[in-house]
């Protein structure tokens, strides 16, 4: 279950980050870049959990 949760959270964070990057506010754009990176990291975590099992 952890694999799916990480992947979903990652997709959501990446999507929100992409939306924030479209803002006119530089601070919000920076937040968006960070959130998108966080989402990609969560997706990678989900991939690792899937490969190794949820025992990690």
C-alpha atoms as a PDB file:
ATOM      1  CA  UNK A   1       0.000   0.000   0.000  1.00  0.00           C
ATOM      2  CA  UNK A   2       2.900   2.358   0.678  1.00  0.00           C
ATOM      3  CA  UNK A   3       3.972   2.158  -2.948  1.00  0.00           C
ATOM      4  CA  UNK A   4       0.619   3.366  -4.262  1.00  0.00           C
ATOM      5  CA  UNK A   5       0.349   6.107  -1.628  1.00  0.00           C
ATOM      6  CA  UNK A   6       3.816   7.459  -2.460  1.00  0.00           C
ATOM      7  CA  UNK A   7       3.110   7.440  -6.175  1.00  0.00           C
ATOM      8  CA  UNK A   8      -0.252   9.209  -5.771  1.00  0.00           C
ATOM      9  CA  UNK A   9       1.195  11.825  -3.418  1.00  0.00           C
ATOM     10  CA  UNK A  10       4.041  12.331  -5.858  1.00  0.00           C
ATOM     11  CA  UNK A  11       1.696  12.843  -8.792  1.00  0.00           C
ATOM     12  CA  UNK A  12      -0.410  15.314  -6.811  1.00  0.00           C
ATOM     13  CA  UNK A  13       2.620  17.308  -5.639  1.00  0.00           C
ATOM     14  CA  UNK A  14       4.062  17.375  -9.143  1.00  0.00           C
ATOM     15  CA  UNK A  15       0.763  18.611 -10.613  1.00  0.00           C
ATOM     16  CA  UNK A  16       0.361  21.312  -7.951  1.00  0.00           C
ATOM     17  CA  UNK A  17       3.979  22.345  -8.463  1.00  0.00           C
ATOM     18  CA  UNK A  18       3.446  22.702 -12.206  1.00  0.00           C
ATOM     19  CA  UNK A  19       0.364  24.842 -11.581  1.00  0.00           C
ATOM     20  CA  UNK A  20       2.252  27.079  -9.139  1.00  0.00           C
ATOM     21  CA  UNK A  21       5.050  27.552 -11.676  1.00  0.00           C
ATOM     22  CA  UNK A  22       2.535  29.318 -13.933  1.00  0.00           C
ATOM     23  CA  UNK A  23       1.998  32.062 -11.330  1.00  0.00           C
ATOM     24  CA  UNK A  24       3.114  35.649 -11.858  1.00  0.00           C
ATOM     25  CA  UNK A  25       4.527  35.747  -8.320  1.00  0.00           C
ATOM     26  CA  UNK A  26       8.233  34.758  -8.212  1.00  0.00           C
ATOM     27  CA  UNK A  27       7.884  33.308  -4.705  1.00  0.00           C
ATOM     28  CA  UNK A  28       4.992  31.087  -5.785  1.00  0.00           C
ATOM     29  CA  UNK A  29       6.940  29.971  -8.878  1.00  0.00           C
ATOM     30  CA  UNK A  30       9.865  28.995  -6.647  1.00  0.00           C
ATOM     31  CA  UNK A  31       7.490  27.057  -4.383  1.00  0.00           C
ATOM     32  CA  UNK A  32       6.149  25.317  -7.454  1.00  0.00           C
ATOM     33  CA  UNK A  33       9.608  24.214  -8.570  1.00  0.00           C
ATOM     34  CA  UNK A  34      10.290  22.811  -5.116  1.00  0.00           C
ATOM     35  CA  UNK A  35       6.948  21.056  -4.929  1.00  0.00           C
ATOM     36  CA  UNK A  36       7.440  19.516  -8.370  1.00  0.00           C
ATOM     37  CA  UNK A  37      10.839  18.136  -7.320  1.00  0.00           C
ATOM     38  CA  UNK A  38       9.286  16.794  -4.117  1.00  0.00           C
ATOM     39  CA  UNK A  39       6.621  15.051  -6.185  1.00  0.00           C
ATOM     40  CA  UNK A  40       9.199  13.417  -8.432  1.00  0.00           C
ATOM     41  CA  UNK A  41      11.107  12.215  -5.358  1.00  0.00           C
ATOM     42  CA  UNK A  42       7.923  10.728  -3.886  1.00  0.00           C
ATOM     43  CA  UNK A  43       7.250   8.917  -7.151  1.00  0.00           C
ATOM     44  CA  UNK A  44      10.783   7.504  -7.099  1.00  0.00           C
ATOM     45  CA  UNK A  45      10.236   6.368  -3.513  1.00  0.00           C
ATOM     46  CA  UNK A  46       7.101   4.563  -4.653  1.00  0.00           C
ATOM     47  CA  UNK A  47       9.057   2.846  -7.429  1.00  0.00           C
ATOM     48  CA  UNK A  48      11.659   1.644  -4.921  1.00  0.00           C
ATOM     49  CA  UNK A  49       8.953   0.434  -2.556  1.00  0.00           C
ATOM     50  CA  UNK A  50       7.365  -1.451  -5.422  1.00  0.00           C
ATOM     51  CA  UNK A  51      10.647  -3.079  -6.384  1.00  0.00           C
ATOM     52  CA  UNK A  52      11.652  -4.018  -2.830  1.00  0.00           C
ATOM     53  CA  UNK A  53       8.246  -4.500  -1.289  1.00  0.00           C
ATOM     54  CA  UNK A  54       6.656  -2.431   1.454  1.00  0.00           C
ATOM     55  CA  UNK A  55       9.054  -3.821   4.057  1.00  0.00           C
ATOM     56  CA  UNK A  56      11.393  -0.827   3.822  1.00  0.00           C
END
